[in-house]
């Protein structure tokens, strides 16, 4: 194994002190149970180097957990806006992620049918149960489903049953995606969102699972609801954070609440300033794929070093990403922007801290193994 640097030894001690476990950078785990055929895997692995002359600088020891990817989205089946553009390329997408250093992916779900679909996906694409996991909950823009069902309590009970069973099997690691979204009230009004956001804390209380949270243009009401119910959940992450410094400060006052960063968090110079103010010990990273990529027009794009060849969906190629469709492998770009903005030179150390934060909340067994 490569020698452990002094910086890594220091980080290891810090993580042991702060989080109760040691992150051993010497151990580069094998990646068993790759999905798909060897040819697809070879294509995927080649893109890490092919796309950028600097991608190798980060080294294979960097590990990621993508805390939020919408892998049930029809884009990964080749369908865009109701039209079929190509065959499903899920295997290639996953293999690119594994080749890029992604060790685990949390597949987010936003309502009952999606939870069932996500569970089927993670079980079929990762039979070993080591890499793909999911959440159980209802997205704020879909909270009408509770009342549309005719029996909100029965709907919640079915979610709870799936969450309990999923926790026991190790497949369900969070309650969510739930929260408030006042930017898209045409889908669901404020009152309904508030009622059923608070309602879903019962799931966290019943299962002991942390929460995967959504907050968009609703900071005041969101924070008030979380404060009232904080005792019901073990911890949580406010994903895809795009709020202000003041909103960040209020969230950081809530013990056990972390901040999730993706491409949408890195659009403007103001976004970058807010991101730079997040204590690293309270940060996690994600892609929110197929959305929220780091676009060339984003303020953070100048810090991106690793790129994958991409083609339009009409010219689909398993060896390439699809243009304007985000993938879990792109989590490396999120890390690079964070490092660039914050002036971090030891990217491996930064990645190790973010990985440790995530394992502490969502994968405590990984903390014990480390």
Protein backbone atom coordinates (compact mmCIF):
# COMPACT_ATOMS: atom_id res chain seq x y z
CA UNK A 1 0.00 0.00 0.00
CA UNK A 2 1.20 3.60 -0.53
CA UNK A 3 2.74 5.29 2.47
CA UNK A 4 0.39 7.38 4.57
CA UNK A 5 1.41 11.06 4.38
CA UNK A 6 1.81 13.21 7.47
CA UNK A 7 -1.25 15.20 6.42
CA UNK A 8 -3.31 12.03 6.21
CA UNK A 9 -2.04 10.80 9.56
CA UNK A 10 -3.05 14.13 11.09
CA UNK A 11 -6.46 13.95 9.43
CA UNK A 12 -6.87 10.39 10.64
CA UNK A 13 -6.28 11.48 14.21
CA UNK A 14 -8.66 14.43 13.79
CA UNK A 15 -11.39 12.19 12.39
CA UNK A 16 -10.87 9.69 15.17
CA UNK A 17 -11.24 12.46 17.73
CA UNK A 18 -14.15 14.25 16.08
CA UNK A 19 -16.15 11.34 14.71
CA UNK A 20 -15.05 8.30 16.68
CA UNK A 21 -13.34 6.44 13.84
CA UNK A 22 -10.20 6.46 11.75
CA UNK A 23 -10.22 7.09 8.00
CA UNK A 24 -7.38 4.92 6.69
CA UNK A 25 -6.21 6.36 3.37
CA UNK A 26 -3.83 3.46 2.86
CA UNK A 27 -6.65 1.06 2.14
CA UNK A 28 -7.80 1.20 -1.47
CA UNK A 29 -10.71 -1.21 -1.47
CA UNK A 30 -11.46 -3.39 -4.40
CA UNK A 31 -14.71 -2.63 -6.14
CA UNK A 32 -16.57 -5.93 -6.53
CA UNK A 33 -19.93 -6.50 -8.17
CA UNK A 34 -19.49 -4.05 -11.03
CA UNK A 35 -22.70 -3.81 -12.97
CA UNK A 36 -22.74 -4.62 -16.66
CA UNK A 37 -20.34 -6.33 -19.01
CA UNK A 38 -16.54 -5.86 -19.05
CA UNK A 39 -16.66 -3.84 -22.25
CA UNK A 40 -18.94 -1.24 -20.68
CA UNK A 41 -16.74 -1.09 -17.60
CA UNK A 42 -13.66 -0.58 -19.77
CA UNK A 43 -15.37 2.28 -21.60
CA UNK A 44 -16.43 3.88 -18.34
CA UNK A 45 -13.02 3.63 -16.73
CA UNK A 46 -11.33 5.11 -19.78
CA UNK A 47 -13.41 8.26 -19.54
CA UNK A 48 -11.83 9.27 -16.24
CA UNK A 49 -8.53 9.78 -18.02
CA UNK A 50 -9.76 10.44 -21.54
CA UNK A 51 -11.84 13.41 -20.50
CA UNK A 52 -9.10 15.36 -18.78
CA UNK A 53 -5.33 15.38 -18.65
CA UNK A 54 -5.47 16.32 -14.98
CA UNK A 55 -7.98 13.77 -13.74
CA UNK A 56 -5.22 11.41 -12.62
CA UNK A 57 -3.86 14.05 -10.24
CA UNK A 58 -6.57 13.22 -7.70
CA UNK A 59 -5.53 9.60 -7.34
CA UNK A 60 -7.59 6.46 -6.91
CA UNK A 61 -7.60 6.74 -3.11
CA UNK A 62 -10.29 9.43 -3.17
CA UNK A 63 -13.67 8.03 -2.15
CA UNK A 64 -17.11 9.55 -2.56
CA UNK A 65 -20.62 9.00 -1.33
CA UNK A 66 -23.15 10.70 -3.59
CA UNK A 67 -25.85 11.53 -1.06
CA UNK A 68 -28.45 12.32 -3.69
CA UNK A 69 -28.99 10.95 -7.20
CA UNK A 70 -32.36 10.59 -8.93
CA UNK A 71 -31.51 7.34 -10.68
CA UNK A 72 -35.17 6.45 -11.18
CA UNK A 73 -35.45 9.37 -13.61
CA UNK A 74 -36.48 8.28 -17.10
CA UNK A 75 -33.39 9.92 -18.63
CA UNK A 76 -31.36 6.90 -17.50
CA UNK A 77 -33.79 4.75 -19.46
CA UNK A 78 -33.08 6.89 -22.51
CA UNK A 79 -36.37 8.81 -22.36
CA UNK A 80 -36.37 12.62 -22.49
CA UNK A 81 -39.58 14.66 -22.28
CA UNK A 82 -41.62 11.58 -23.12
CA UNK A 83 -39.59 10.63 -26.19
CA UNK A 84 -37.20 7.68 -26.44
CA UNK A 85 -33.74 8.80 -27.57
CA UNK A 86 -31.67 5.72 -26.75
CA UNK A 87 -31.69 2.47 -24.80
CA UNK A 88 -31.20 2.38 -21.05
CA UNK A 89 -27.58 3.06 -20.13
CA UNK A 90 -27.85 2.63 -16.37
CA UNK A 91 -25.02 0.09 -16.28
CA UNK A 92 -22.64 2.49 -18.03
CA UNK A 93 -23.68 5.34 -15.73
CA UNK A 94 -23.01 3.24 -12.63
CA UNK A 95 -19.71 1.93 -13.93
CA UNK A 96 -18.49 5.46 -14.66
CA UNK A 97 -19.36 6.32 -11.07
CA UNK A 98 -17.45 3.37 -9.61
CA UNK A 99 -14.45 4.10 -11.84
CA UNK A 100 -14.47 7.72 -10.66
CA UNK A 101 -14.20 6.70 -7.01
CA UNK A 102 -17.86 6.75 -6.00
CA UNK A 103 -18.29 4.03 -3.39
CA UNK A 104 -21.95 4.52 -2.52
CA UNK A 105 -24.96 6.26 -4.01
CA UNK A 106 -28.15 7.26 -2.23
CA UNK A 107 -30.99 7.02 -4.74
CA UNK A 108 -33.55 9.61 -3.72
CA UNK A 109 -37.28 8.95 -3.80
CA UNK A 110 -40.10 11.51 -3.76
CA UNK A 111 -43.33 9.55 -3.29
CA UNK A 112 -44.54 6.01 -2.61
CA UNK A 113 -44.30 4.59 -6.17
CA UNK A 114 -40.78 6.04 -6.50
CA UNK A 115 -39.74 4.43 -3.22
CA UNK A 116 -40.81 1.05 -4.56
CA UNK A 117 -39.08 1.70 -7.88
CA UNK A 118 -35.89 2.82 -6.13
CA UNK A 119 -35.87 -0.27 -3.92
CA UNK A 120 -36.23 -2.48 -6.98
CA UNK A 121 -33.44 -0.58 -8.73
CA UNK A 122 -30.91 -0.78 -5.91
CA UNK A 123 -31.60 -4.47 -5.35
CA UNK A 124 -31.33 -5.41 -9.02
CA UNK A 125 -28.26 -3.31 -9.82
CA UNK A 126 -26.41 -4.03 -6.58
CA UNK A 127 -27.36 -7.49 -5.28
CA UNK A 128 -24.58 -7.40 -2.68
CA UNK A 129 -26.07 -4.33 -0.99
CA UNK A 130 -22.72 -2.57 -0.75
CA UNK A 131 -23.16 0.37 -3.11
CA UNK A 132 -26.74 1.43 -3.82
CA UNK A 133 -29.19 2.66 -1.19
CA UNK A 134 -32.37 4.69 -1.11
CA UNK A 135 -34.59 7.03 0.88
CA UNK A 136 -38.25 6.87 1.87
CA UNK A 137 -40.41 9.98 1.85
CA UNK A 138 -42.46 12.50 -0.10
CA UNK A 139 -40.96 15.51 -1.87
CA UNK A 140 -42.56 18.86 -0.93
CA UNK A 141 -43.85 19.46 -4.45
CA UNK A 142 -45.69 16.13 -4.30
CA UNK A 143 -47.29 16.39 -0.88
CA UNK A 144 -50.74 16.45 -2.47
CA UNK A 145 -50.40 12.67 -2.76
CA UNK A 146 -51.20 12.32 0.94
CA UNK A 147 -54.68 13.78 0.58
CA UNK A 148 -55.18 12.49 -2.96
CA UNK A 149 -54.74 8.98 -1.55
CA UNK A 150 -57.92 9.47 0.48
CA UNK A 151 -56.19 8.33 3.66
CA UNK A 152 -53.03 10.29 4.58
CA UNK A 153 -52.33 8.14 7.64
CA UNK A 154 -52.52 4.92 5.61
CA UNK A 155 -50.15 6.45 3.04
CA UNK A 156 -47.71 7.32 5.81
CA UNK A 157 -48.08 3.86 7.34
CA UNK A 158 -47.10 2.23 4.05
CA UNK A 159 -44.06 4.50 3.82
CA UNK A 160 -43.15 3.56 7.38
CA UNK A 161 -43.41 -0.15 6.63
CA UNK A 162 -41.06 0.22 3.66
CA UNK A 163 -38.67 2.32 5.74
CA UNK A 164 -38.58 -0.17 8.62
CA UNK A 165 -38.09 -3.15 6.31
CA UNK A 166 -35.53 -1.23 4.28
CA UNK A 167 -33.57 -0.24 7.35
CA UNK A 168 -33.45 -3.86 8.47
CA UNK A 169 -32.16 -4.96 5.06
CA UNK A 170 -29.67 -2.09 4.97
CA UNK A 171 -31.14 -0.59 1.80
CA UNK A 172 -32.97 2.42 3.27
CA UNK A 173 -30.64 4.93 4.91
CA UNK A 174 -32.75 8.10 5.22
CA UNK A 175 -36.21 9.60 5.40
CA UNK A 176 -36.83 11.95 2.51
CA UNK A 177 -36.71 13.72 0.26
CA UNK A 178 -38.93 15.96 2.33
CA UNK A 179 -39.09 19.65 3.20
CA UNK A 180 -40.48 22.87 1.74
CA UNK A 181 -40.25 24.30 -1.79
CA UNK A 182 -41.87 27.72 -2.22
CA UNK A 183 -40.22 28.16 -5.61
CA UNK A 184 -42.70 25.72 -7.19
CA UNK A 185 -46.00 26.38 -5.46
CA UNK A 186 -47.88 25.56 -8.67
CA UNK A 187 -47.29 21.92 -7.76
CA UNK A 188 -48.33 22.12 -4.11
CA UNK A 189 -49.42 25.03 -1.89
CA UNK A 190 -47.58 26.18 1.23
CA UNK A 191 -50.08 24.90 3.76
CA UNK A 192 -50.10 21.38 2.34
CA UNK A 193 -46.30 21.31 2.17
CA UNK A 194 -45.95 22.47 5.76
CA UNK A 195 -48.51 20.00 7.08
CA UNK A 196 -46.96 16.95 5.46
CA UNK A 197 -43.35 17.98 6.01
CA UNK A 198 -44.09 17.98 9.73
CA UNK A 199 -46.10 14.78 9.30
CA UNK A 200 -43.05 12.94 7.94
CA UNK A 201 -40.98 13.51 11.06
CA UNK A 202 -43.04 10.62 12.41
CA UNK A 203 -41.17 8.39 9.97
CA UNK A 204 -37.82 9.54 11.31
CA UNK A 205 -38.99 9.06 14.88
CA UNK A 206 -40.35 5.58 14.20
CA UNK A 207 -37.27 4.34 12.36
CA UNK A 208 -34.41 6.27 13.94
CA UNK A 209 -33.21 7.17 10.45
CA UNK A 210 -31.62 10.53 9.55
CA UNK A 211 -33.42 12.86 7.15
CA UNK A 212 -32.69 13.96 3.59
CA UNK A 213 -34.12 17.48 3.47
CA UNK A 214 -35.19 19.96 0.78
CA UNK A 215 -35.34 23.72 1.36
CA UNK A 216 -36.02 26.14 -1.49
CA UNK A 217 -37.08 29.78 -0.91
CA UNK A 218 -38.66 28.70 2.37
CA UNK A 219 -35.98 29.14 5.01
CA UNK A 220 -38.07 30.75 7.76
CA UNK A 221 -40.85 28.15 7.77
CA UNK A 222 -38.44 25.28 7.12
CA UNK A 223 -36.19 26.15 10.05
CA UNK A 224 -39.17 26.65 12.35
CA UNK A 225 -40.53 23.19 11.52
CA UNK A 226 -37.14 21.53 11.91
CA UNK A 227 -36.62 23.24 15.28
CA UNK A 228 -39.98 21.99 16.54
CA UNK A 229 -39.24 18.44 15.46
CA UNK A 230 -35.47 18.19 15.78
CA UNK A 231 -35.77 15.75 18.67
CA UNK A 232 -37.55 13.27 16.40
CA UNK A 233 -34.64 12.67 14.02
CA UNK A 234 -31.08 11.54 14.61
CA UNK A 235 -29.54 13.96 12.10
CA UNK A 236 -30.15 15.34 8.63
CA UNK A 237 -28.75 17.09 5.59
CA UNK A 238 -30.27 20.06 3.76
CA UNK A 239 -29.38 19.02 0.25
CA UNK A 240 -28.70 21.18 -2.82
CA UNK A 241 -28.24 24.25 -0.63
CA UNK A 242 -28.59 27.59 -2.43
CA UNK A 243 -29.47 29.84 0.50
CA UNK A 244 -27.90 32.97 1.94
CA UNK A 245 -25.20 33.32 4.58
CA UNK A 246 -27.86 34.26 7.12
CA UNK A 247 -29.90 31.16 6.29
CA UNK A 248 -26.74 29.08 6.51
CA UNK A 249 -25.99 30.51 9.94
CA UNK A 250 -29.46 29.60 11.19
CA UNK A 251 -29.17 26.05 9.87
CA UNK A 252 -25.77 25.58 11.48
CA UNK A 253 -27.32 26.45 14.84
CA UNK A 254 -29.32 23.22 14.54
CA UNK A 255 -27.22 20.42 15.99
CA UNK A 256 -26.71 17.48 13.66
CA UNK A 257 -27.90 19.28 10.53
CA UNK A 258 -25.47 19.19 7.60
CA UNK A 259 -25.34 21.13 4.33
CA UNK A 260 -25.37 19.34 0.96
CA UNK A 261 -23.52 20.93 -1.97
CA UNK A 262 -23.94 20.19 -5.68
CA UNK A 263 -23.66 22.08 -8.95
CA UNK A 264 -26.72 24.21 -8.17
CA UNK A 265 -24.92 25.38 -5.04
CA UNK A 266 -22.03 26.69 -7.15
CA UNK A 267 -23.76 28.84 -9.80
CA UNK A 268 -23.00 32.40 -8.72
CA UNK A 269 -20.19 34.21 -6.95
CA UNK A 270 -22.57 34.69 -4.02
CA UNK A 271 -23.19 30.93 -3.96
CA UNK A 272 -19.44 30.36 -3.82
CA UNK A 273 -19.04 32.81 -0.93
CA UNK A 274 -21.77 31.03 1.02
CA UNK A 275 -20.25 27.62 0.28
CA UNK A 276 -16.86 28.84 1.50
CA UNK A 277 -18.45 29.77 4.83
CA UNK A 278 -19.72 26.25 5.55
CA UNK A 279 -17.57 24.50 8.17
CA UNK A 280 -16.11 21.44 6.46
CA UNK A 281 -17.24 19.24 9.33
CA UNK A 282 -20.85 20.15 8.45
CA UNK A 283 -20.65 19.64 4.68
CA UNK A 284 -21.59 16.76 2.36
CA UNK A 285 -21.52 16.57 -1.43
CA UNK A 286 -23.88 15.21 -4.06
CA UNK A 287 -24.85 15.43 -7.71
CA UNK A 288 -28.68 15.45 -7.62
CA UNK A 289 -28.27 13.78 -11.01
CA UNK A 290 -29.60 14.04 -13.66
CA UNK A 291 -30.03 17.66 -12.56
CA UNK A 292 -27.71 20.24 -10.97
CA UNK A 293 -24.54 19.67 -12.98
CA UNK A 294 -21.68 22.16 -12.80
CA UNK A 295 -22.35 24.01 -16.05
CA UNK A 296 -19.73 25.96 -17.99
CA UNK A 297 -21.68 29.14 -17.23
CA UNK A 298 -21.45 28.61 -13.46
CA UNK A 299 -19.10 30.74 -11.41
CA UNK A 300 -17.50 27.59 -10.02
CA UNK A 301 -16.79 26.04 -13.44
CA UNK A 302 -13.33 27.60 -13.67
CA UNK A 303 -12.18 25.25 -10.90
CA UNK A 304 -13.26 22.05 -12.67
CA UNK A 305 -10.34 19.87 -13.73
CA UNK A 306 -11.92 16.53 -14.53
CA UNK A 307 -14.21 16.24 -17.53
CA UNK A 308 -15.85 13.37 -19.36
CA UNK A 309 -16.52 13.26 -23.07
CA UNK A 310 -20.22 13.90 -23.68
CA UNK A 311 -22.42 13.55 -26.74
CA UNK A 312 -25.96 14.64 -27.52
CA UNK A 313 -28.61 12.11 -26.62
CA UNK A 314 -29.38 11.60 -30.31
CA UNK A 315 -25.79 10.40 -30.80
CA UNK A 316 -25.73 8.24 -27.70
CA UNK A 317 -22.54 6.31 -27.04
CA UNK A 318 -22.05 4.02 -24.04
CA UNK A 319 -18.46 5.24 -23.79
CA UNK A 320 -19.61 8.84 -23.23
CA UNK A 321 -21.84 10.83 -20.94
CA UNK A 322 -24.98 12.43 -22.33
CA UNK A 323 -24.68 16.15 -22.84
CA UNK A 324 -26.59 18.18 -20.23
CA UNK A 325 -27.43 15.06 -18.19
CA UNK A 326 -25.68 14.93 -14.84
CA UNK A 327 -24.26 11.65 -13.51
CA UNK A 328 -22.87 10.48 -10.15
CA UNK A 329 -19.32 10.41 -11.60
CA UNK A 330 -19.49 14.21 -11.81
CA UNK A 331 -19.30 14.44 -8.04
CA UNK A 332 -15.55 14.80 -8.62
CA UNK A 333 -16.26 18.17 -10.22
CA UNK A 334 -18.17 19.32 -7.14
CA UNK A 335 -15.17 18.39 -5.00
CA UNK A 336 -12.81 20.25 -7.34
CA UNK A 337 -14.87 23.43 -7.20
CA UNK A 338 -15.03 23.32 -3.40
CA UNK A 339 -11.27 22.81 -3.22
CA UNK A 340 -10.57 25.59 -5.70
CA UNK A 341 -12.81 28.17 -4.06
CA UNK A 342 -11.55 27.40 -0.57
CA UNK A 343 -7.91 27.25 -1.61
CA UNK A 344 -7.50 23.63 -0.51
CA UNK A 345 -4.37 22.04 -1.96
CA UNK A 346 -4.75 18.62 -0.36
CA UNK A 347 -7.85 17.44 -2.21
CA UNK A 348 -7.57 13.94 -0.77
CA UNK A 349 -7.77 15.32 2.75
CA UNK A 350 -10.82 17.40 1.82
CA UNK A 351 -12.51 14.37 0.27
CA UNK A 352 -11.75 12.28 3.35
CA UNK A 353 -13.45 14.79 5.65
CA UNK A 354 -16.58 14.95 3.47
CA UNK A 355 -16.66 11.16 3.21
CA UNK A 356 -16.36 10.87 6.99
CA UNK A 357 -19.21 13.34 7.55
CA UNK A 358 -21.46 11.30 5.30
CA UNK A 359 -20.59 7.95 6.83
CA UNK A 360 -21.13 9.33 10.32
CA UNK A 361 -24.75 10.19 9.49
CA UNK A 362 -25.89 7.68 6.87
CA UNK A 363 -23.45 4.76 7.06
CA UNK A 364 -22.30 4.37 10.67
CA UNK A 365 -21.23 0.78 10.00
CA UNK A 366 -18.64 2.11 7.52
CA UNK A 367 -17.29 4.31 10.30
CA UNK A 368 -16.78 1.24 12.47
CA UNK A 369 -15.09 -0.67 9.65
CA UNK A 370 -12.69 2.20 9.04
